[in-house]
Every structure is written in C-alpha cells, then in structure tokens.
C-alpha cells in the first residue's frame, strides 16, 4: 500500500534536525535484488488462510485476525508462526488504513501497533537478529542480519510502525524514523520487487518529499517510479505514488489527473488476484486525491 505522506514529512523534520547525511548504497541504487517472492507464505491454519483471501472485505479481515491469533495463543511456537505473524501484520495494516480510515484515533493506533508487533514477532525466527537485539544492539545496526526470507515481515513491520508514529505524534516519530528508514532500506536491498515493487514506491516518495538542503533528489525519485513500473506493470499503486508525489512536486496537474484517472479506468483484477485489495485501495486513494486537486493546484 502507498507509504504514508506524513512519514516523509517526519523524515524531513529528522533530516532538518540532524543535517544532510550520505544515503546508504542500498537506498541510493535504483535497482537491487529481484527475488519474485510470493506475497505471503501459506500457513497450516486453513480456515484463516481462506479468510485472508477475503481480506478485501471487513468480515474477511476480522475473521483472519481472529483465527490466526487463536492459533498463536494455542501454540505460540508452532512451525508456521512467522508466516502467521506476517499475515497478521498485513491484515492489521489493511484494517487500520482502509476499513478504519475514519475510526477514532485510539482504534487506528491499536491496529497499526498490532501490525508492527506481529511483523517484529515474525522476525524473531531469525536467530542472529534476535540475539543481537537482546544483546542491546540498536535495531538499525542489526538490519544487515536479516535475509531474503525476512523481507515480508520487515517491510510490513516498518510500514505499520510509520503509520502508528504518524498518528502518535512528531516527538514519537523523531525517535522511531531512523529505525523505520533502516528497515525500508534493507527491504529494498533484499528484494526490490517485494509486494509488486513496494520498496521502489517508498523511495520514489521519499526522495521527492525531502527538501533540497536535506537530500531531495527528484531525478532519483523518478527512476524509482520508473523501476516500479518495470517490475510491476499494471499495479495501480504505482500511479497513486507518482501522482501524489512527483506530479504534485512538479505542479503538473495534467499529469496528476491523468495518472489518477488511469487508476479509476483500470478494471479491477479478478478477486482471486493476490493484490486485488491493493487495487481496491488504490481506487479509493485516486478518488480522494482527485477530490483534493483544487486544493493542491490552486
């Protein structure tokens, strides 16, 4: 799903406070590792997996959360615990971002926090990572220990964390953003095509949102947007990110409206498509952004 705009505003605040820094090679390189990973690993909780396929409905999301969490309560150390935690991280993100979009702050905070915690719990299956953290190392200094099989929970933990911080407030965000950014950089390094090139959309928005003195690099952002389309043509979240950040940055209303209308004119894939929900969310975001066009292009 599209990374949070406020996340990038918070990153700007952090960059302003700390001064420009050299970006790690992983975020500076437009291309990295292509792994063609499946969106989620299957679990042995068949009823919950069936509900997960209906996560585009509020009932499907609620049932998936209930059944997966019940399985973990019954057997916390089960062999497929990491896969279950990862699916829960995704489900809680969808719940908070889409179904609870207009819910009370307390409810959305709780959902994003649960998504973050489930993602981090899935990473516990990496013994080296867990040992380093338990030994007192900073999270951002441990991400290099994570491997390709960790990219799912890594990405979703970071995205839920960023949304939680966005709602919680600037002071909390300032403490957490270095960790979130490190997680996203490692996600990109491990698998640039994860979840239909989600790391590229993240960095396309990120390098656009930074102010010039703090490392803004619009040509680099354009390259990330281009690479996302190369890796995931037809994935409508590409157009959402490009419109929301690049078209808006260039004050190009024609590009902005063309991209958003393209999303609305693109037929939804079959409901069985693993990214059906993301296309549904993109449609809602396109409608919302088009409604805001007069405010963004006065």
C-alpha atoms as a PDB file:
ATOM      1  CA  UNK A   1       0.000   0.000   0.000  1.00  0.00           C
ATOM      2  CA  UNK A   2       1.126   3.557  -0.590  1.00  0.00           C
ATOM      3  CA  UNK A   3       3.604   4.754   2.086  1.00  0.00           C
ATOM      4  CA  UNK A   4       2.315   7.440   4.436  1.00  0.00           C
ATOM      5  CA  UNK A   5       2.821  11.050   3.389  1.00  0.00           C
ATOM      6  CA  UNK A   6       3.312  12.100   7.000  1.00  0.00           C
ATOM      7  CA  UNK A   7       6.087   9.549   7.313  1.00  0.00           C
ATOM      8  CA  UNK A   8       8.054  11.511   4.785  1.00  0.00           C
ATOM      9  CA  UNK A   9       7.223  14.816   6.424  1.00  0.00           C
ATOM     10  CA  UNK A  10       8.590  13.343   9.627  1.00  0.00           C
ATOM     11  CA  UNK A  11      11.703  12.243   7.798  1.00  0.00           C
ATOM     12  CA  UNK A  12      12.091  15.829   6.618  1.00  0.00           C
ATOM     13  CA  UNK A  13      11.932  17.016  10.212  1.00  0.00           C
ATOM     14  CA  UNK A  14      14.537  14.461  11.167  1.00  0.00           C
ATOM     15  CA  UNK A  15      16.790  15.460   8.288  1.00  0.00           C
ATOM     16  CA  UNK A  16      16.426  19.105   9.258  1.00  0.00           C
ATOM     17  CA  UNK A  17      17.413  18.361  12.822  1.00  0.00           C
ATOM     18  CA  UNK A  18      20.334  16.102  12.012  1.00  0.00           C
ATOM     19  CA  UNK A  19      21.629  17.702   8.827  1.00  0.00           C
ATOM     20  CA  UNK A  20      22.243  16.059   5.453  1.00  0.00           C
ATOM     21  CA  UNK A  21      23.742  12.613   5.521  1.00  0.00           C
ATOM     22  CA  UNK A  22      25.101  10.324   2.875  1.00  0.00           C
ATOM     23  CA  UNK A  23      22.485   7.756   1.915  1.00  0.00           C
ATOM     24  CA  UNK A  24      23.435   4.100   2.230  1.00  0.00           C
ATOM     25  CA  UNK A  25      24.121   2.420  -1.083  1.00  0.00           C
ATOM     26  CA  UNK A  26      21.012   0.307  -0.726  1.00  0.00           C
ATOM     27  CA  UNK A  27      18.655   3.260  -0.939  1.00  0.00           C
ATOM     28  CA  UNK A  28      20.738   5.135  -3.465  1.00  0.00           C
ATOM     29  CA  UNK A  29      20.814   2.342  -6.044  1.00  0.00           C
ATOM     30  CA  UNK A  30      17.631   2.224  -8.075  1.00  0.00           C
ATOM     31  CA  UNK A  31      17.900  -1.497  -8.722  1.00  0.00           C
ATOM     32  CA  UNK A  32      18.878  -4.156  -6.241  1.00  0.00           C
ATOM     33  CA  UNK A  33      17.789  -7.789  -5.904  1.00  0.00           C
ATOM     34  CA  UNK A  34      14.863  -9.335  -7.759  1.00  0.00           C
ATOM     35  CA  UNK A  35      13.510 -12.353  -5.909  1.00  0.00           C
ATOM     36  CA  UNK A  36       9.950 -12.813  -7.237  1.00  0.00           C
ATOM     37  CA  UNK A  37       8.722 -13.788  -3.796  1.00  0.00           C
ATOM     38  CA  UNK A  38       5.087 -14.744  -3.266  1.00  0.00           C
ATOM     39  CA  UNK A  39       3.095 -12.035  -1.464  1.00  0.00           C
ATOM     40  CA  UNK A  40       2.583 -14.292   1.561  1.00  0.00           C
ATOM     41  CA  UNK A  41       3.654 -17.720   2.730  1.00  0.00           C
ATOM     42  CA  UNK A  42       0.852 -20.264   3.296  1.00  0.00           C
ATOM     43  CA  UNK A  43       0.099 -21.490   6.807  1.00  0.00           C
ATOM     44  CA  UNK A  44      -1.460 -24.628   8.224  1.00  0.00           C
ATOM     45  CA  UNK A  45      -4.422 -22.655   9.614  1.00  0.00           C
ATOM     46  CA  UNK A  46      -6.633 -23.370   6.630  1.00  0.00           C
ATOM     47  CA  UNK A  47      -9.687 -21.503   7.879  1.00  0.00           C
ATOM     48  CA  UNK A  48      -7.630 -18.370   8.478  1.00  0.00           C
ATOM     49  CA  UNK A  49      -5.933 -18.679   5.093  1.00  0.00           C
ATOM     50  CA  UNK A  50      -9.377 -18.855   3.497  1.00  0.00           C
ATOM     51  CA  UNK A  51     -10.439 -15.726   5.371  1.00  0.00           C
ATOM     52  CA  UNK A  52      -7.226 -13.982   4.281  1.00  0.00           C
ATOM     53  CA  UNK A  53      -8.305 -14.429   0.662  1.00  0.00           C
ATOM     54  CA  UNK A  54     -11.321 -12.275   1.571  1.00  0.00           C
ATOM     55  CA  UNK A  55      -9.291  -9.534   3.261  1.00  0.00           C
ATOM     56  CA  UNK A  56     -10.808  -7.017   0.852  1.00  0.00           C
ATOM     57  CA  UNK A  57     -13.955  -7.372   2.953  1.00  0.00           C
ATOM     58  CA  UNK A  58     -14.189  -6.199   6.541  1.00  0.00           C
ATOM     59  CA  UNK A  59     -15.543  -9.579   7.629  1.00  0.00           C
ATOM     60  CA  UNK A  60     -12.720 -11.463   5.930  1.00  0.00           C
ATOM     61  CA  UNK A  61     -10.149  -9.272   7.650  1.00  0.00           C
ATOM     62  CA  UNK A  62     -11.813  -9.697  11.049  1.00  0.00           C
ATOM     63  CA  UNK A  63     -12.106 -13.468  10.644  1.00  0.00           C
ATOM     64  CA  UNK A  64      -8.493 -13.813   9.530  1.00  0.00           C
ATOM     65  CA  UNK A  65      -7.234 -11.852  12.520  1.00  0.00           C
ATOM     66  CA  UNK A  66      -9.389 -13.839  14.948  1.00  0.00           C
ATOM     67  CA  UNK A  67      -8.405 -17.254  13.600  1.00  0.00           C
ATOM     68  CA  UNK A  68      -4.694 -16.549  13.214  1.00  0.00           C
ATOM     69  CA  UNK A  69      -4.427 -15.065  16.691  1.00  0.00           C
ATOM     70  CA  UNK A  70      -6.324 -18.001  18.193  1.00  0.00           C
ATOM     71  CA  UNK A  71      -3.844 -20.382  16.535  1.00  0.00           C
ATOM     72  CA  UNK A  72      -0.915 -18.493  18.049  1.00  0.00           C
ATOM     73  CA  UNK A  73      -2.496 -18.472  21.509  1.00  0.00           C
ATOM     74  CA  UNK A  74      -2.985 -22.230  21.302  1.00  0.00           C
ATOM     75  CA  UNK A  75       0.561 -22.876  20.040  1.00  0.00           C
ATOM     76  CA  UNK A  76       2.877 -19.819  20.186  1.00  0.00           C
ATOM     77  CA  UNK A  77       5.962 -21.673  18.923  1.00  0.00           C
ATOM     78  CA  UNK A  78       4.312 -23.513  16.041  1.00  0.00           C
ATOM     79  CA  UNK A  79       6.411 -24.136  12.936  1.00  0.00           C
ATOM     80  CA  UNK A  80       4.459 -21.646  10.812  1.00  0.00           C
ATOM     81  CA  UNK A  81       4.384 -18.885  13.458  1.00  0.00           C
ATOM     82  CA  UNK A  82       6.463 -16.480  11.331  1.00  0.00           C
ATOM     83  CA  UNK A  83       4.100 -16.837   8.367  1.00  0.00           C
ATOM     84  CA  UNK A  84       1.081 -16.300  10.631  1.00  0.00           C
ATOM     85  CA  UNK A  85       2.610 -13.190  12.216  1.00  0.00           C
ATOM     86  CA  UNK A  86       3.388 -11.807   8.745  1.00  0.00           C
ATOM     87  CA  UNK A  87      -0.173 -12.306   7.555  1.00  0.00           C
ATOM     88  CA  UNK A  88      -1.457 -10.651  10.714  1.00  0.00           C
ATOM     89  CA  UNK A  89       0.822  -7.673  10.090  1.00  0.00           C
ATOM     90  CA  UNK A  90      -0.719  -7.263   6.630  1.00  0.00           C
ATOM     91  CA  UNK A  91      -4.268  -7.747   7.895  1.00  0.00           C
ATOM     92  CA  UNK A  92      -3.893  -5.171  10.648  1.00  0.00           C
ATOM     93  CA  UNK A  93      -2.453  -2.676   8.179  1.00  0.00           C
ATOM     94  CA  UNK A  94      -5.433  -3.109   5.868  1.00  0.00           C
ATOM     95  CA  UNK A  95      -7.827  -2.838   8.797  1.00  0.00           C
ATOM     96  CA  UNK A  96      -6.328   0.424  10.045  1.00  0.00           C
ATOM     97  CA  UNK A  97      -5.646   2.064   6.682  1.00  0.00           C
ATOM     98  CA  UNK A  98      -8.772   1.068   4.798  1.00  0.00           C
ATOM     99  CA  UNK A  99     -11.606  -0.190   6.966  1.00  0.00           C
ATOM    100  CA  UNK A 100     -10.861   2.051   9.976  1.00  0.00           C
ATOM    101  CA  UNK A 101      -9.854   5.077   7.885  1.00  0.00           C
ATOM    102  CA  UNK A 102     -12.374   7.297   9.679  1.00  0.00           C
ATOM    103  CA  UNK A 103     -12.308   5.470  13.023  1.00  0.00           C
ATOM    104  CA  UNK A 104     -11.209   7.001  16.311  1.00  0.00           C
ATOM    105  CA  UNK A 105      -7.510   7.701  16.754  1.00  0.00           C
ATOM    106  CA  UNK A 106      -7.294   5.154  19.579  1.00  0.00           C
ATOM    107  CA  UNK A 107      -8.610   2.352  17.361  1.00  0.00           C
ATOM    108  CA  UNK A 108      -6.253   3.082  14.473  1.00  0.00           C
ATOM    109  CA  UNK A 109      -3.274   3.370  16.807  1.00  0.00           C
ATOM    110  CA  UNK A 110      -4.066  -0.029  18.285  1.00  0.00           C
ATOM    111  CA  UNK A 111      -4.389  -1.664  14.863  1.00  0.00           C
ATOM    112  CA  UNK A 112      -1.143  -0.216  13.487  1.00  0.00           C
ATOM    113  CA  UNK A 113       0.646  -1.111  16.710  1.00  0.00           C
ATOM    114  CA  UNK A 114      -0.610  -4.688  16.463  1.00  0.00           C
ATOM    115  CA  UNK A 115       0.572  -4.838  12.844  1.00  0.00           C
ATOM    116  CA  UNK A 116       4.009  -3.600  13.843  1.00  0.00           C
ATOM    117  CA  UNK A 117       4.304  -6.081  16.714  1.00  0.00           C
ATOM    118  CA  UNK A 118       3.256  -9.032  14.582  1.00  0.00           C
ATOM    119  CA  UNK A 119       5.813  -8.085  11.926  1.00  0.00           C
ATOM    120  CA  UNK A 120       8.573  -7.844  14.511  1.00  0.00           C
ATOM    121  CA  UNK A 121       7.446 -11.129  16.060  1.00  0.00           C
ATOM    122  CA  UNK A 122       7.849 -12.819  12.682  1.00  0.00           C
ATOM    123  CA  UNK A 123      11.443 -11.571  12.514  1.00  0.00           C
ATOM    124  CA  UNK A 124      12.197 -13.419  15.743  1.00  0.00           C
ATOM    125  CA  UNK A 125      12.640 -16.529  13.619  1.00  0.00           C
ATOM    126  CA  UNK A 126      15.998 -15.047  12.544  1.00  0.00           C
ATOM    127  CA  UNK A 127      18.228 -16.142  15.439  1.00  0.00           C
ATOM    128  CA  UNK A 128      21.107 -13.772  14.654  1.00  0.00           C
ATOM    129  CA  UNK A 129      18.763 -10.758  14.551  1.00  0.00           C
ATOM    130  CA  UNK A 130      17.070 -11.720  17.803  1.00  0.00           C
ATOM    131  CA  UNK A 131      20.347 -12.373  19.580  1.00  0.00           C
ATOM    132  CA  UNK A 132      21.772  -9.004  18.510  1.00  0.00           C
ATOM    133  CA  UNK A 133      18.716  -7.094  19.713  1.00  0.00           C
ATOM    134  CA  UNK A 134      18.590  -8.965  23.005  1.00  0.00           C
ATOM    135  CA  UNK A 135      22.263  -8.120  23.447  1.00  0.00           C
ATOM    136  CA  UNK A 136      21.440  -4.418  23.360  1.00  0.00           C
ATOM    137  CA  UNK A 137      22.283  -3.521  19.738  1.00  0.00           C
ATOM    138  CA  UNK A 138      20.249  -0.803  18.031  1.00  0.00           C
ATOM    139  CA  UNK A 139      17.676  -2.048  15.565  1.00  0.00           C
ATOM    140  CA  UNK A 140      19.128  -0.002  12.707  1.00  0.00           C
ATOM    141  CA  UNK A 141      22.512  -1.610  13.338  1.00  0.00           C
ATOM    142  CA  UNK A 142      21.050  -5.114  13.072  1.00  0.00           C
ATOM    143  CA  UNK A 143      19.107  -4.978   9.813  1.00  0.00           C
ATOM    144  CA  UNK A 144      22.081  -6.363   7.876  1.00  0.00           C
ATOM    145  CA  UNK A 145      21.462  -9.664   9.686  1.00  0.00           C
ATOM    146  CA  UNK A 146      18.081 -10.081   8.020  1.00  0.00           C
ATOM    147  CA  UNK A 147      17.847 -12.305   4.945  1.00  0.00           C
ATOM    148  CA  UNK A 148      15.637 -12.522   1.859  1.00  0.00           C
ATOM    149  CA  UNK A 149      13.099 -14.698   3.677  1.00  0.00           C
ATOM    150  CA  UNK A 150      12.661 -11.899   6.235  1.00  0.00           C
ATOM    151  CA  UNK A 151      11.665  -9.184   3.765  1.00  0.00           C
ATOM    152  CA  UNK A 152       7.892  -9.641   4.212  1.00  0.00           C
ATOM    153  CA  UNK A 153       7.644  -9.073   7.954  1.00  0.00           C
ATOM    154  CA  UNK A 154      10.437  -6.486   7.736  1.00  0.00           C
ATOM    155  CA  UNK A 155       8.534  -4.363   5.233  1.00  0.00           C
ATOM    156  CA  UNK A 156       5.148  -4.637   6.939  1.00  0.00           C
ATOM    157  CA  UNK A 157       6.510  -4.031  10.419  1.00  0.00           C
ATOM    158  CA  UNK A 158       8.138  -0.855   9.111  1.00  0.00           C
ATOM    159  CA  UNK A 159       5.033   0.349   7.297  1.00  0.00           C
ATOM    160  CA  UNK A 160       2.743  -0.256  10.280  1.00  0.00           C
ATOM    161  CA  UNK A 161       5.309   1.438  12.518  1.00  0.00           C
ATOM    162  CA  UNK A 162       5.402   4.518  10.302  1.00  0.00           C
ATOM    163  CA  UNK A 163       1.617   4.841  10.327  1.00  0.00           C
ATOM    164  CA  UNK A 164       1.485   4.393  14.089  1.00  0.00           C
ATOM    165  CA  UNK A 165       4.068   7.145  14.518  1.00  0.00           C
ATOM    166  CA  UNK A 166       2.200   9.414  12.129  1.00  0.00           C
ATOM    167  CA  UNK A 167      -0.863   9.273  14.371  1.00  0.00           C
ATOM    168  CA  UNK A 168       1.014   9.221  17.677  1.00  0.00           C
ATOM    169  CA  UNK A 169       2.826  12.493  17.062  1.00  0.00           C
ATOM    170  CA  UNK A 170       6.052  14.181  15.977  1.00  0.00           C
ATOM    171  CA  UNK A 171       8.085  13.547  19.136  1.00  0.00           C
ATOM    172  CA  UNK A 172       7.488   9.807  18.917  1.00  0.00           C
ATOM    173  CA  UNK A 173       8.169   9.807  15.173  1.00  0.00           C
ATOM    174  CA  UNK A 174      11.516  11.524  15.663  1.00  0.00           C
ATOM    175  CA  UNK A 175      12.627   8.612  17.851  1.00  0.00           C
ATOM    176  CA  UNK A 176      11.383   5.891  15.528  1.00  0.00           C
ATOM    177  CA  UNK A 177      12.112   7.139  11.998  1.00  0.00           C
ATOM    178  CA  UNK A 178      15.808   6.055  11.942  1.00  0.00           C
ATOM    179  CA  UNK A 179      14.633   2.507  12.657  1.00  0.00           C
ATOM    180  CA  UNK A 180      11.844   2.615  10.072  1.00  0.00           C
ATOM    181  CA  UNK A 181      14.135   4.013   7.388  1.00  0.00           C
ATOM    182  CA  UNK A 182      16.762   1.357   8.069  1.00  0.00           C
ATOM    183  CA  UNK A 183      14.099  -1.327   7.754  1.00  0.00           C
ATOM    184  CA  UNK A 184      12.911   0.021   4.405  1.00  0.00           C
ATOM    185  CA  UNK A 185      16.458   0.322   3.081  1.00  0.00           C
ATOM    186  CA  UNK A 186      17.118  -3.304   3.998  1.00  0.00           C
ATOM    187  CA  UNK A 187      13.815  -4.338   2.389  1.00  0.00           C
ATOM    188  CA  UNK A 188      14.925  -2.686  -0.842  1.00  0.00           C
ATOM    189  CA  UNK A 189      18.343  -4.274  -0.665  1.00  0.00           C
ATOM    190  CA  UNK A 190      16.941  -7.755  -0.096  1.00  0.00           C
ATOM    191  CA  UNK A 191      14.120  -7.671  -2.642  1.00  0.00           C
ATOM    192  CA  UNK A 192      13.415  -4.642  -4.796  1.00  0.00           C
ATOM    193  CA  UNK A 193      10.339  -6.326  -6.256  1.00  0.00           C
ATOM    194  CA  UNK A 194       8.733  -7.311  -2.954  1.00  0.00           C
ATOM    195  CA  UNK A 195       4.980  -6.819  -2.978  1.00  0.00           C
ATOM    196  CA  UNK A 196       4.922  -5.531  -6.538  1.00  0.00           C
ATOM    197  CA  UNK A 197       7.954  -3.240  -6.121  1.00  0.00           C
ATOM    198  CA  UNK A 198       6.746  -1.615  -2.886  1.00  0.00           C
ATOM    199  CA  UNK A 199      10.289  -0.536  -1.838  1.00  0.00           C
ATOM    200  CA  UNK A 200      10.615   1.484  -5.059  1.00  0.00           C
ATOM    201  CA  UNK A 201       7.346   3.286  -4.422  1.00  0.00           C
ATOM    202  CA  UNK A 202       8.561   4.077  -0.924  1.00  0.00           C
ATOM    203  CA  UNK A 203      11.806   5.626  -2.133  1.00  0.00           C
ATOM    204  CA  UNK A 204      10.154   7.431  -5.028  1.00  0.00           C
ATOM    205  CA  UNK A 205       8.012   9.240  -2.459  1.00  0.00           C
ATOM    206  CA  UNK A 206      10.885   9.635  -0.011  1.00  0.00           C
ATOM    207  CA  UNK A 207      13.367  11.307  -2.374  1.00  0.00           C
ATOM    208  CA  UNK A 208      10.631  13.616  -3.679  1.00  0.00           C
ATOM    209  CA  UNK A 209       9.475  14.719  -0.227  1.00  0.00           C
ATOM    210  CA  UNK A 210      12.895  15.642   1.157  1.00  0.00           C
ATOM    211  CA  UNK A 211      13.738  19.358   0.891  1.00  0.00           C
ATOM    212  CA  UNK A 212      16.668  20.291  -1.305  1.00  0.00           C
ATOM    213  CA  UNK A 213      19.077  21.014   1.545  1.00  0.00           C
ATOM    214  CA  UNK A 214      18.353  17.631   3.131  1.00  0.00           C
ATOM    215  CA  UNK A 215      18.960  15.466   0.079  1.00  0.00           C
ATOM    216  CA  UNK A 216      15.961  15.813  -2.193  1.00  0.00           C
ATOM    217  CA  UNK A 217      16.676  14.005  -5.448  1.00  0.00           C
ATOM    218  CA  UNK A 218      13.756  14.185  -7.845  1.00  0.00           C
ATOM    219  CA  UNK A 219      15.589  12.517 -10.773  1.00  0.00           C
ATOM    220  CA  UNK A 220      16.336   9.590  -8.465  1.00  0.00           C
ATOM    221  CA  UNK A 221      12.707   9.545  -7.353  1.00  0.00           C
ATOM    222  CA  UNK A 222      11.620   9.430 -10.998  1.00  0.00           C
ATOM    223  CA  UNK A 223      13.945   6.482 -11.574  1.00  0.00           C
ATOM    224  CA  UNK A 224      12.420   4.624  -8.639  1.00  0.00           C
ATOM    225  CA  UNK A 225       8.948   5.303 -10.064  1.00  0.00           C
ATOM    226  CA  UNK A 226      10.109   4.058 -13.472  1.00  0.00           C
ATOM    227  CA  UNK A 227      11.636   0.936 -11.958  1.00  0.00           C
ATOM    228  CA  UNK A 228       8.429   0.171 -10.039  1.00  0.00           C
ATOM    229  CA  UNK A 229       6.527   0.191 -13.320  1.00  0.00           C
ATOM    230  CA  UNK A 230       9.134  -2.040 -14.958  1.00  0.00           C
ATOM    231  CA  UNK A 231       8.861  -4.587 -12.166  1.00  0.00           C
ATOM    232  CA  UNK A 232       5.101  -4.357 -11.641  1.00  0.00           C
ATOM    233  CA  UNK A 233       3.376  -3.029 -14.770  1.00  0.00           C
ATOM    234  CA  UNK A 234      -0.318  -2.572 -14.215  1.00  0.00           C
ATOM    235  CA  UNK A 235      -0.066  -2.290 -10.442  1.00  0.00           C
ATOM    236  CA  UNK A 236      -2.171   0.811  -9.851  1.00  0.00           C
ATOM    237  CA  UNK A 237      -0.413   1.866  -6.666  1.00  0.00           C
ATOM    238  CA  UNK A 238       2.441   2.959  -8.951  1.00  0.00           C
ATOM    239  CA  UNK A 239       0.208   5.677 -10.411  1.00  0.00           C
ATOM    240  CA  UNK A 240      -1.018   6.723  -6.958  1.00  0.00           C
ATOM    241  CA  UNK A 241       2.519   7.307  -5.684  1.00  0.00           C
ATOM    242  CA  UNK A 242       3.632   9.044  -8.887  1.00  0.00           C
ATOM    243  CA  UNK A 243       0.649  11.407  -8.796  1.00  0.00           C
ATOM    244  CA  UNK A 244       0.728  12.083  -5.067  1.00  0.00           C
ATOM    245  CA  UNK A 245       4.429  12.947  -5.022  1.00  0.00           C
ATOM    246  CA  UNK A 246       6.077  13.543  -8.383  1.00  0.00           C
ATOM    247  CA  UNK A 247       3.202  15.148 -10.283  1.00  0.00           C
ATOM    248  CA  UNK A 248       2.373  17.273  -7.249  1.00  0.00           C
ATOM    249  CA  UNK A 249       6.036  18.268  -6.848  1.00  0.00           C
ATOM    250  CA  UNK A 250       6.253  19.391 -10.476  1.00  0.00           C
ATOM    251  CA  UNK A 251       2.916  21.214 -10.099  1.00  0.00           C
ATOM    252  CA  UNK A 252       1.760  19.222 -13.100  1.00  0.00           C
ATOM    253  CA  UNK A 253      -1.993  18.957 -12.706  1.00  0.00           C
ATOM    254  CA  UNK A 254      -2.421  17.318 -16.109  1.00  0.00           C
ATOM    255  CA  UNK A 255      -0.053  14.503 -15.130  1.00  0.00           C
ATOM    256  CA  UNK A 256      -1.692  14.238 -11.716  1.00  0.00           C
ATOM    257  CA  UNK A 257      -5.199  13.879 -13.117  1.00  0.00           C
ATOM    258  CA  UNK A 258      -4.106  11.602 -15.972  1.00  0.00           C
ATOM    259  CA  UNK A 259      -2.483   9.161 -13.545  1.00  0.00           C
ATOM    260  CA  UNK A 260      -5.408   9.129 -11.132  1.00  0.00           C
ATOM    261  CA  UNK A 261      -7.983   8.737 -13.879  1.00  0.00           C
ATOM    262  CA  UNK A 262      -5.890   5.889 -15.259  1.00  0.00           C
ATOM    263  CA  UNK A 263      -6.314   4.134 -11.910  1.00  0.00           C
ATOM    264  CA  UNK A 264     -10.075   4.629 -11.997  1.00  0.00           C
ATOM    265  CA  UNK A 265     -10.302   3.426 -15.596  1.00  0.00           C
ATOM    266  CA  UNK A 266      -8.240   0.288 -14.985  1.00  0.00           C
ATOM    267  CA  UNK A 267     -10.532  -2.716 -14.461  1.00  0.00           C
ATOM    268  CA  UNK A 268     -10.100  -4.437 -11.145  1.00  0.00           C
ATOM    269  CA  UNK A 269      -8.345  -7.802 -11.451  1.00  0.00           C
ATOM    270  CA  UNK A 270     -10.242 -10.970 -10.550  1.00  0.00           C
ATOM    271  CA  UNK A 271     -10.995 -11.173  -6.853  1.00  0.00           C
ATOM    272  CA  UNK A 272      -8.654 -14.175  -6.691  1.00  0.00           C
ATOM    273  CA  UNK A 273      -5.700 -11.964  -7.629  1.00  0.00           C
ATOM    274  CA  UNK A 274      -3.336 -11.753  -4.617  1.00  0.00           C
ATOM    275  CA  UNK A 275      -3.229  -7.955  -4.977  1.00  0.00           C
ATOM    276  CA  UNK A 276      -6.937  -7.371  -5.534  1.00  0.00           C
ATOM    277  CA  UNK A 277      -7.215  -5.486  -2.241  1.00  0.00           C
ATOM    278  CA  UNK A 278      -4.312  -3.179  -3.136  1.00  0.00           C
ATOM    279  CA  UNK A 279      -6.041  -2.242  -6.408  1.00  0.00           C
ATOM    280  CA  UNK A 280      -9.230  -1.575  -4.461  1.00  0.00           C
ATOM    281  CA  UNK A 281      -7.340   0.685  -2.052  1.00  0.00           C
ATOM    282  CA  UNK A 282      -5.698   2.483  -4.985  1.00  0.00           C
ATOM    283  CA  UNK A 283      -9.128   3.276  -6.388  1.00  0.00           C
ATOM    284  CA  UNK A 284     -10.221   4.829  -3.130  1.00  0.00           C
ATOM    285  CA  UNK A 285      -6.985   6.832  -2.956  1.00  0.00           C
ATOM    286  CA  UNK A 286      -7.446   8.007  -6.554  1.00  0.00           C
ATOM    287  CA  UNK A 287     -10.937   9.280  -5.765  1.00  0.00           C
ATOM    288  CA  UNK A 288      -9.661  11.027  -2.639  1.00  0.00           C
ATOM    289  CA  UNK A 289      -6.719  12.658  -4.409  1.00  0.00           C
ATOM    290  CA  UNK A 290      -8.837  13.820  -7.339  1.00  0.00           C
ATOM    291  CA  UNK A 291     -11.262  15.418  -4.880  1.00  0.00           C
ATOM    292  CA  UNK A 292      -8.300  17.340  -3.418  1.00  0.00           C
ATOM    293  CA  UNK A 293      -6.997  18.536  -6.799  1.00  0.00           C
ATOM    294  CA  UNK A 294      -8.242  22.121  -6.455  1.00  0.00           C
ATOM    295  CA  UNK A 295      -6.523  22.440  -3.068  1.00  0.00           C
ATOM    296  CA  UNK A 296      -3.252  21.019  -4.351  1.00  0.00           C
ATOM    297  CA  UNK A 297      -3.241  23.016  -7.588  1.00  0.00           C
ATOM    298  CA  UNK A 298      -4.792  26.376  -6.658  1.00  0.00           C
END
